[in-house]
PDB file of N, CA and C in Angstrom:
ATOM      1  N   MET A   1     -17.324 -69.697  19.224  1.00  0.00           N
ATOM      2  CA  MET A   1     -16.191 -69.425  20.081  1.00  0.00           C
ATOM      3  C   MET A   1     -15.411 -68.256  19.488  1.00  0.00           C
ATOM      4  N   THR A   2     -15.050 -67.331  20.337  1.00  0.00           N
ATOM      5  CA  THR A   2     -14.222 -66.210  19.891  1.00  0.00           C
ATOM      6  C   THR A   2     -12.847 -66.325  20.530  1.00  0.00           C
ATOM      7  N   SER A   3     -11.870 -65.910  19.783  1.00  0.00           N
ATOM      8  CA  SER A   3     -10.514 -65.908  20.328  1.00  0.00           C
ATOM      9  C   SER A   3      -9.892 -64.542  20.067  1.00  0.00           C
ATOM     10  N   ARG A   4      -9.006 -64.176  20.937  1.00  0.00           N
ATOM     11  CA  ARG A   4      -8.345 -62.876  20.871  1.00  0.00           C
ATOM     12  C   ARG A   4      -6.951 -63.039  20.290  1.00  0.00           C
ATOM     13  N   VAL A   5      -6.593 -62.159  19.390  1.00  0.00           N
ATOM     14  CA  VAL A   5      -5.243 -62.173  18.835  1.00  0.00           C
ATOM     15  C   VAL A   5      -4.297 -61.557  19.859  1.00  0.00           C
ATOM     16  N   ARG A   6      -3.195 -62.226  20.123  1.00  0.00           N
ATOM     17  CA  ARG A   6      -2.197 -61.711  21.063  1.00  0.00           C
ATOM     18  C   ARG A   6      -0.956 -61.326  20.282  1.00  0.00           C
ATOM     19  N   LEU A   7      -0.585 -60.075  20.385  1.00  0.00           N
ATOM     20  CA  LEU A   7       0.565 -59.572  19.653  1.00  0.00           C
ATOM     21  C   LEU A   7       1.739 -59.338  20.590  1.00  0.00           C
ATOM     22  N   ALA A   8       2.919 -59.689  20.096  1.00  0.00           N
ATOM     23  CA  ALA A   8       4.160 -59.488  20.863  1.00  0.00           C
ATOM     24  C   ALA A   8       5.120 -58.659  20.022  1.00  0.00           C
ATOM     25  N   VAL A   9       6.085 -58.055  20.695  1.00  0.00           N
ATOM     26  CA  VAL A   9       7.063 -57.216  20.018  1.00  0.00           C
ATOM     27  C   VAL A   9       8.433 -57.461  20.645  1.00  0.00           C
ATOM     28  N   GLY A  10       9.475 -57.327  19.844  1.00  0.00           N
ATOM     29  CA  GLY A  10      10.843 -57.426  20.354  1.00  0.00           C
ATOM     30  C   GLY A  10      11.358 -56.057  20.754  1.00  0.00           C
ATOM     31  N   ILE A  11      11.938 -55.965  21.929  1.00  0.00           N
ATOM     32  CA  ILE A  11      12.489 -54.692  22.408  1.00  0.00           C
ATOM     33  C   ILE A  11      13.826 -54.441  21.699  1.00  0.00           C
ATOM     34  N   PRO A  12      14.022 -53.255  21.123  1.00  0.00           N
ATOM     35  CA  PRO A  12      15.309 -52.964  20.461  1.00  0.00           C
ATOM     36  C   PRO A  12      16.473 -53.065  21.444  1.00  0.00           C
ATOM     37  N   GLN A  13      17.512 -53.785  21.036  1.00  0.00           N
ATOM     38  CA  GLN A  13      18.682 -53.958  21.890  1.00  0.00           C
ATOM     39  C   GLN A  13      19.978 -53.493  21.241  1.00  0.00           C
ATOM     40  N   THR A  14      19.942 -53.246  19.939  1.00  0.00           N
ATOM     41  CA  THR A  14      21.113 -52.713  19.233  1.00  0.00           C
ATOM     42  C   THR A  14      20.696 -51.437  18.522  1.00  0.00           C
ATOM     43  N   PHE A  15      21.663 -50.549  18.344  1.00  0.00           N
ATOM     44  CA  PHE A  15      21.371 -49.245  17.755  1.00  0.00           C
ATOM     45  C   PHE A  15      22.411 -48.914  16.701  1.00  0.00           C
ATOM     46  N   PRO A  16      21.973 -48.407  15.527  1.00  0.00           N
ATOM     47  CA  PRO A  16      22.932 -48.010  14.495  1.00  0.00           C
ATOM     48  C   PRO A  16      23.932 -46.992  15.049  1.00  0.00           C
ATOM     49  N   GLY A  17      25.165 -47.144  14.693  1.00  0.00           N
ATOM     50  CA  GLY A  17      26.203 -46.251  15.200  1.00  0.00           C
ATOM     51  C   GLY A  17      26.746 -46.692  16.536  1.00  0.00           C
ATOM     52  N   GLY A  18      26.121 -47.704  17.154  1.00  0.00           N
ATOM     53  CA  GLY A  18      26.616 -48.233  18.415  1.00  0.00           C
ATOM     54  C   GLY A  18      26.303 -47.382  19.633  1.00  0.00           C
ATOM     55  N   VAL A  19      25.506 -46.328  19.471  1.00  0.00           N
ATOM     56  CA  VAL A  19      25.171 -45.452  20.599  1.00  0.00           C
ATOM     57  C   VAL A  19      23.831 -45.876  21.157  1.00  0.00           C
ATOM     58  N   VAL A  20      23.812 -46.312  22.414  1.00  0.00           N
ATOM     59  CA  VAL A  20      22.587 -46.755  23.070  1.00  0.00           C
ATOM     60  C   VAL A  20      21.757 -45.536  23.468  1.00  0.00           C
ATOM     61  N   ASP A  21      20.477 -45.565  23.133  1.00  0.00           N
ATOM     62  CA  ASP A  21      19.580 -44.465  23.453  1.00  0.00           C
ATOM     63  C   ASP A  21      18.391 -45.017  24.257  1.00  0.00           C
ATOM     64  N   LEU A  22      18.465 -44.923  25.577  1.00  0.00           N
ATOM     65  CA  LEU A  22      17.402 -45.472  26.420  1.00  0.00           C
ATOM     66  C   LEU A  22      16.099 -44.688  26.288  1.00  0.00           C
ATOM     67  N   GLN A  23      16.163 -43.436  25.851  1.00  0.00           N
ATOM     68  CA  GLN A  23      14.926 -42.685  25.601  1.00  0.00           C
ATOM     69  C   GLN A  23      14.142 -43.314  24.452  1.00  0.00           C
ATOM     70  N   LYS A  24      14.855 -43.843  23.459  1.00  0.00           N
ATOM     71  CA  LYS A  24      14.175 -44.513  22.355  1.00  0.00           C
ATOM     72  C   LYS A  24      13.527 -45.809  22.831  1.00  0.00           C
ATOM     73  N   VAL A  25      14.192 -46.510  23.745  1.00  0.00           N
ATOM     74  CA  VAL A  25      13.611 -47.727  24.325  1.00  0.00           C
ATOM     75  C   VAL A  25      12.349 -47.370  25.097  1.00  0.00           C
ATOM     76  N   ARG A  26      12.410 -46.307  25.886  1.00  0.00           N
ATOM     77  CA  ARG A  26      11.247 -45.853  26.655  1.00  0.00           C
ATOM     78  C   ARG A  26      10.087 -45.511  25.718  1.00  0.00           C
ATOM     79  N   ALA A  27      10.372 -44.746  24.662  1.00  0.00           N
ATOM     80  CA  ALA A  27       9.329 -44.358  23.707  1.00  0.00           C
ATOM     81  C   ALA A  27       8.762 -45.587  22.988  1.00  0.00           C
ATOM     82  N   PHE A  28       9.629 -46.522  22.632  1.00  0.00           N
ATOM     83  CA  PHE A  28       9.207 -47.742  21.945  1.00  0.00           C
ATOM     84  C   PHE A  28       8.244 -48.541  22.830  1.00  0.00           C
ATOM     85  N   LEU A  29       8.606 -48.738  24.086  1.00  0.00           N
ATOM     86  CA  LEU A  29       7.759 -49.513  25.000  1.00  0.00           C
ATOM     87  C   LEU A  29       6.439 -48.804  25.287  1.00  0.00           C
ATOM     88  N   GLY A  30       6.492 -47.491  25.440  1.00  0.00           N
ATOM     89  CA  GLY A  30       5.260 -46.734  25.659  1.00  0.00           C
ATOM     90  C   GLY A  30       4.312 -46.860  24.476  1.00  0.00           C
ATOM     91  N   ARG A  31       4.862 -46.793  23.283  1.00  0.00           N
ATOM     92  CA  ARG A  31       4.042 -46.916  22.075  1.00  0.00           C
ATOM     93  C   ARG A  31       3.489 -48.339  21.939  1.00  0.00           C
ATOM     94  N   ALA A  32       4.316 -49.336  22.215  1.00  0.00           N
ATOM     95  CA  ALA A  32       3.858 -50.733  22.132  1.00  0.00           C
ATOM     96  C   ALA A  32       2.710 -50.978  23.104  1.00  0.00           C
ATOM     97  N   GLU A  33       2.830 -50.433  24.288  1.00  0.00           N
ATOM     98  CA  GLU A  33       1.776 -50.609  25.292  1.00  0.00           C
ATOM     99  C   GLU A  33       0.504 -49.877  24.860  1.00  0.00           C
ATOM    100  N   ALA A  34       0.660 -48.665  24.346  1.00  0.00           N
ATOM    101  CA  ALA A  34      -0.493 -47.875  23.892  1.00  0.00           C
ATOM    102  C   ALA A  34      -1.217 -48.546  22.725  1.00  0.00           C
ATOM    103  N   LEU A  35      -0.468 -49.240  21.884  1.00  0.00           N
ATOM    104  CA  LEU A  35      -1.071 -49.926  20.730  1.00  0.00           C
ATOM    105  C   LEU A  35      -1.707 -51.265  21.094  1.00  0.00           C
ATOM    106  N   GLY A  36      -1.542 -51.699  22.336  1.00  0.00           N
ATOM    107  CA  GLY A  36      -2.196 -52.916  22.796  1.00  0.00           C
ATOM    108  C   GLY A  36      -1.385 -54.189  22.670  1.00  0.00           C
ATOM    109  N   PHE A  37      -0.088 -54.075  22.442  1.00  0.00           N
ATOM    110  CA  PHE A  37       0.731 -55.292  22.422  1.00  0.00           C
ATOM    111  C   PHE A  37       0.654 -55.966  23.788  1.00  0.00           C
ATOM    112  N   GLU A  38       0.567 -57.288  23.769  1.00  0.00           N
ATOM    113  CA  GLU A  38       0.432 -58.024  25.032  1.00  0.00           C
ATOM    114  C   GLU A  38       1.774 -58.246  25.720  1.00  0.00           C
ATOM    115  N   SER A  39       2.828 -58.454  24.927  1.00  0.00           N
ATOM    116  CA  SER A  39       4.115 -58.757  25.537  1.00  0.00           C
ATOM    117  C   SER A  39       5.262 -58.151  24.718  1.00  0.00           C
ATOM    118  N   ALA A  40       6.405 -58.014  25.406  1.00  0.00           N
ATOM    119  CA  ALA A  40       7.626 -57.511  24.788  1.00  0.00           C
ATOM    120  C   ALA A  40       8.766 -58.435  25.197  1.00  0.00           C
ATOM    121  N   TRP A  41       9.651 -58.729  24.250  1.00  0.00           N
ATOM    122  CA  TRP A  41      10.669 -59.756  24.447  1.00  0.00           C
ATOM    123  C   TRP A  41      12.061 -59.245  24.145  1.00  0.00           C
ATOM    124  N   VAL A  42      13.039 -59.864  24.799  1.00  0.00           N
ATOM    125  CA  VAL A  42      14.449 -59.592  24.551  1.00  0.00           C
ATOM    126  C   VAL A  42      15.136 -60.910  24.183  1.00  0.00           C
ATOM    127  N   VAL A  43      16.344 -60.808  23.637  1.00  0.00           N
ATOM    128  CA  VAL A  43      17.165 -61.987  23.356  1.00  0.00           C
ATOM    129  C   VAL A  43      18.579 -61.696  23.825  1.00  0.00           C
ATOM    130  N   GLU A  44      19.313 -62.732  24.110  1.00  0.00           N
ATOM    131  CA  GLU A  44      20.718 -62.553  24.474  1.00  0.00           C
ATOM    132  C   GLU A  44      21.544 -62.716  23.206  1.00  0.00           C
ATOM    133  N   GLN A  45      22.364 -61.714  22.922  1.00  0.00           N
ATOM    134  CA  GLN A  45      23.195 -61.729  21.719  1.00  0.00           C
ATOM    135  C   GLN A  45      24.658 -61.666  22.130  1.00  0.00           C
ATOM    136  N   ILE A  46      25.433 -62.634  21.666  1.00  0.00           N
ATOM    137  CA  ILE A  46      26.867 -62.602  21.973  1.00  0.00           C
ATOM    138  C   ILE A  46      27.707 -62.400  20.718  1.00  0.00           C
ATOM    139  N   LEU A  47      27.071 -62.458  19.561  1.00  0.00           N
ATOM    140  CA  LEU A  47      27.768 -62.262  18.294  1.00  0.00           C
ATOM    141  C   LEU A  47      27.214 -61.022  17.608  1.00  0.00           C
ATOM    142  N   GLY A  48      28.020 -60.448  16.745  1.00  0.00           N
ATOM    143  CA  GLY A  48      27.583 -59.273  15.985  1.00  0.00           C
ATOM    144  C   GLY A  48      28.525 -58.124  16.185  1.00  0.00           C
ATOM    145  N   SER A  49      28.437 -57.172  15.292  1.00  0.00           N
ATOM    146  CA  SER A  49      29.362 -56.034  15.333  1.00  0.00           C
ATOM    147  C   SER A  49      28.850 -54.868  16.173  1.00  0.00           C
ATOM    148  N   LEU A  50      27.556 -54.830  16.446  1.00  0.00           N
ATOM    149  CA  LEU A  50      26.995 -53.726  17.245  1.00  0.00           C
ATOM    150  C   LEU A  50      26.904 -54.124  18.705  1.00  0.00           C
ATOM    151  N   PRO A  51      27.141 -53.193  19.624  1.00  0.00           N
ATOM    152  CA  PRO A  51      26.918 -53.495  21.036  1.00  0.00           C
ATOM    153  C   PRO A  51      25.433 -53.755  21.282  1.00  0.00           C
ATOM    154  N   SER A  52      25.141 -54.646  22.199  1.00  0.00           N
ATOM    155  CA  SER A  52      23.759 -55.027  22.487  1.00  0.00           C
ATOM    156  C   SER A  52      23.485 -54.860  23.975  1.00  0.00           C
ATOM    157  N   LEU A  53      22.302 -54.366  24.296  1.00  0.00           N
ATOM    158  CA  LEU A  53      21.923 -54.210  25.704  1.00  0.00           C
ATOM    159  C   LEU A  53      21.762 -55.585  26.357  1.00  0.00           C
ATOM    160  N   GLU A  54      22.221 -55.716  27.580  1.00  0.00           N
ATOM    161  CA  GLU A  54      22.128 -56.973  28.337  1.00  0.00           C
ATOM    162  C   GLU A  54      20.656 -57.237  28.654  1.00  0.00           C
ATOM    163  N   PRO A  55      20.143 -58.448  28.349  1.00  0.00           N
ATOM    164  CA  PRO A  55      18.709 -58.696  28.416  1.00  0.00           C
ATOM    165  C   PRO A  55      18.075 -58.588  29.801  1.00  0.00           C
ATOM    166  N   VAL A  56      18.712 -59.078  30.844  1.00  0.00           N
ATOM    167  CA  VAL A  56      18.102 -59.029  32.181  1.00  0.00           C
ATOM    168  C   VAL A  56      18.012 -57.579  32.672  1.00  0.00           C
ATOM    169  N   GLN A  57      19.048 -56.808  32.444  1.00  0.00           N
ATOM    170  CA  GLN A  57      18.994 -55.402  32.832  1.00  0.00           C
ATOM    171  C   GLN A  57      17.956 -54.633  32.025  1.00  0.00           C
ATOM    172  N   LEU A  58      17.832 -54.972  30.730  1.00  0.00           N
ATOM    173  CA  LEU A  58      16.832 -54.313  29.898  1.00  0.00           C
ATOM    174  C   LEU A  58      15.417 -54.668  30.355  1.00  0.00           C
ATOM    175  N   LEU A  59      15.192 -55.926  30.725  1.00  0.00           N
ATOM    176  CA  LEU A  59      13.873 -56.322  31.241  1.00  0.00           C
ATOM    177  C   LEU A  59      13.550 -55.576  32.538  1.00  0.00           C
ATOM    178  N   THR A  60      14.563 -55.388  33.386  1.00  0.00           N
ATOM    179  CA  THR A  60      14.364 -54.637  34.631  1.00  0.00           C
ATOM    180  C   THR A  60      13.964 -53.205  34.315  1.00  0.00           C
ATOM    181  N   ARG A  61      14.653 -52.593  33.372  1.00  0.00           N
ATOM    182  CA  ARG A  61      14.325 -51.228  32.952  1.00  0.00           C
ATOM    183  C   ARG A  61      12.910 -51.182  32.369  1.00  0.00           C
ATOM    184  N   ALA A  62      12.575 -52.163  31.523  1.00  0.00           N
ATOM    185  CA  ALA A  62      11.256 -52.202  30.898  1.00  0.00           C
ATOM    186  C   ALA A  62      10.147 -52.343  31.940  1.00  0.00           C
ATOM    187  N   ALA A  63      10.411 -53.101  32.997  1.00  0.00           N
ATOM    188  CA  ALA A  63       9.407 -53.274  34.059  1.00  0.00           C
ATOM    189  C   ALA A  63       9.106 -51.945  34.750  1.00  0.00           C
ATOM    190  N   GLY A  64      10.094 -51.077  34.834  1.00  0.00           N
ATOM    191  CA  GLY A  64       9.881 -49.768  35.432  1.00  0.00           C
ATOM    192  C   GLY A  64       9.194 -48.785  34.516  1.00  0.00           C
ATOM    193  N   ILE A  65       9.173 -49.075  33.224  1.00  0.00           N
ATOM    194  CA  ILE A  65       8.576 -48.172  32.238  1.00  0.00           C
ATOM    195  C   ILE A  65       7.121 -48.532  31.961  1.00  0.00           C
ATOM    196  N   THR A  66       6.836 -49.815  31.873  1.00  0.00           N
ATOM    197  CA  THR A  66       5.507 -50.266  31.454  1.00  0.00           C
ATOM    198  C   THR A  66       4.599 -50.505  32.655  1.00  0.00           C
ATOM    199  N   THR A  67       3.304 -50.584  32.387  1.00  0.00           N
ATOM    200  CA  THR A  67       2.344 -50.827  33.466  1.00  0.00           C
ATOM    201  C   THR A  67       1.555 -52.118  33.281  1.00  0.00           C
ATOM    202  N   ARG A  68       1.390 -52.567  32.026  1.00  0.00           N
ATOM    203  CA  ARG A  68       0.542 -53.723  31.796  1.00  0.00           C
ATOM    204  C   ARG A  68       1.166 -54.777  30.894  1.00  0.00           C
ATOM    205  N   ILE A  69       2.063 -54.385  30.040  1.00  0.00           N
ATOM    206  CA  ILE A  69       2.638 -55.300  29.055  1.00  0.00           C
ATOM    207  C   ILE A  69       3.471 -56.384  29.760  1.00  0.00           C
ATOM    208  N   ARG A  70       3.359 -57.618  29.290  1.00  0.00           N
ATOM    209  CA  ARG A  70       4.132 -58.716  29.873  1.00  0.00           C
ATOM    210  C   ARG A  70       5.521 -58.735  29.248  1.00  0.00           C
ATOM    211  N   LEU A  71       6.505 -59.132  30.030  1.00  0.00           N
ATOM    212  CA  LEU A  71       7.901 -59.098  29.588  1.00  0.00           C
ATOM    213  C   LEU A  71       8.500 -60.495  29.632  1.00  0.00           C
ATOM    214  N   GLY A  72       9.401 -60.783  28.690  1.00  0.00           N
ATOM    215  CA  GLY A  72      10.029 -62.085  28.691  1.00  0.00           C
ATOM    216  C   GLY A  72      11.319 -62.093  27.895  1.00  0.00           C
ATOM    217  N   SER A  73      12.060 -63.173  28.062  1.00  0.00           N
ATOM    218  CA  SER A  73      13.298 -63.387  27.308  1.00  0.00           C
ATOM    219  C   SER A  73      13.093 -64.568  26.367  1.00  0.00           C
ATOM    220  N   ALA A  74      13.256 -64.339  25.080  1.00  0.00           N
ATOM    221  CA  ALA A  74      13.121 -65.409  24.101  1.00  0.00           C
ATOM    222  C   ALA A  74      14.364 -66.294  24.108  1.00  0.00           C
ATOM    223  N   VAL A  75      15.526 -65.704  24.361  1.00  0.00           N
ATOM    224  CA  VAL A  75      16.790 -66.442  24.432  1.00  0.00           C
ATOM    225  C   VAL A  75      17.580 -65.896  25.608  1.00  0.00           C
ATOM    226  N   LEU A  76      17.988 -66.782  26.509  1.00  0.00           N
ATOM    227  CA  LEU A  76      18.830 -66.417  27.630  1.00  0.00           C
ATOM    228  C   LEU A  76      19.857 -67.539  27.801  1.00  0.00           C
ATOM    229  N   LEU A  77      21.122 -67.210  27.608  1.00  0.00           N
ATOM    230  CA  LEU A  77      22.186 -68.209  27.653  1.00  0.00           C
ATOM    231  C   LEU A  77      22.612 -68.438  29.101  1.00  0.00           C
ATOM    232  N   THR A  78      22.060 -69.455  29.718  1.00  0.00           N
ATOM    233  CA  THR A  78      22.312 -69.700  31.144  1.00  0.00           C
ATOM    234  C   THR A  78      23.764 -70.063  31.422  1.00  0.00           C
ATOM    235  N   ALA A  79      24.450 -70.641  30.455  1.00  0.00           N
ATOM    236  CA  ALA A  79      25.861 -71.000  30.674  1.00  0.00           C
ATOM    237  C   ALA A  79      26.736 -69.773  30.925  1.00  0.00           C
ATOM    238  N   LEU A  80      26.311 -68.625  30.447  1.00  0.00           N
ATOM    239  CA  LEU A  80      27.052 -67.386  30.682  1.00  0.00           C
ATOM    240  C   LEU A  80      26.787 -66.796  32.061  1.00  0.00           C
ATOM    241  N   ARG A  81      25.835 -67.341  32.790  1.00  0.00           N
ATOM    242  CA  ARG A  81      25.392 -66.754  34.050  1.00  0.00           C
ATOM    243  C   ARG A  81      25.689 -67.611  35.270  1.00  0.00           C
ATOM    244  N   SER A  82      26.534 -68.609  35.127  1.00  0.00           N
ATOM    245  CA  SER A  82      26.821 -69.476  36.278  1.00  0.00           C
ATOM    246  C   SER A  82      28.021 -68.995  37.053  1.00  0.00           C
TER     247      SER A  82
END
């Protein structure tokens, strides 16, 4: 029996200096897809000193950038969305 290794990656959501750079996110996702990663994930962060990209909007953006990689949220705080 053979099995395939499935690799996943976390999409960057915080940036040093607090300046969001969506071109870096685009380049990151393009590289992850080219390297054969199967999926890319986001998390919801409400604590920390750096601003963080909102996960649902980032997944929407990622869906427009990628062609094959699967997308998901590892943490989504539903209580914040009611």
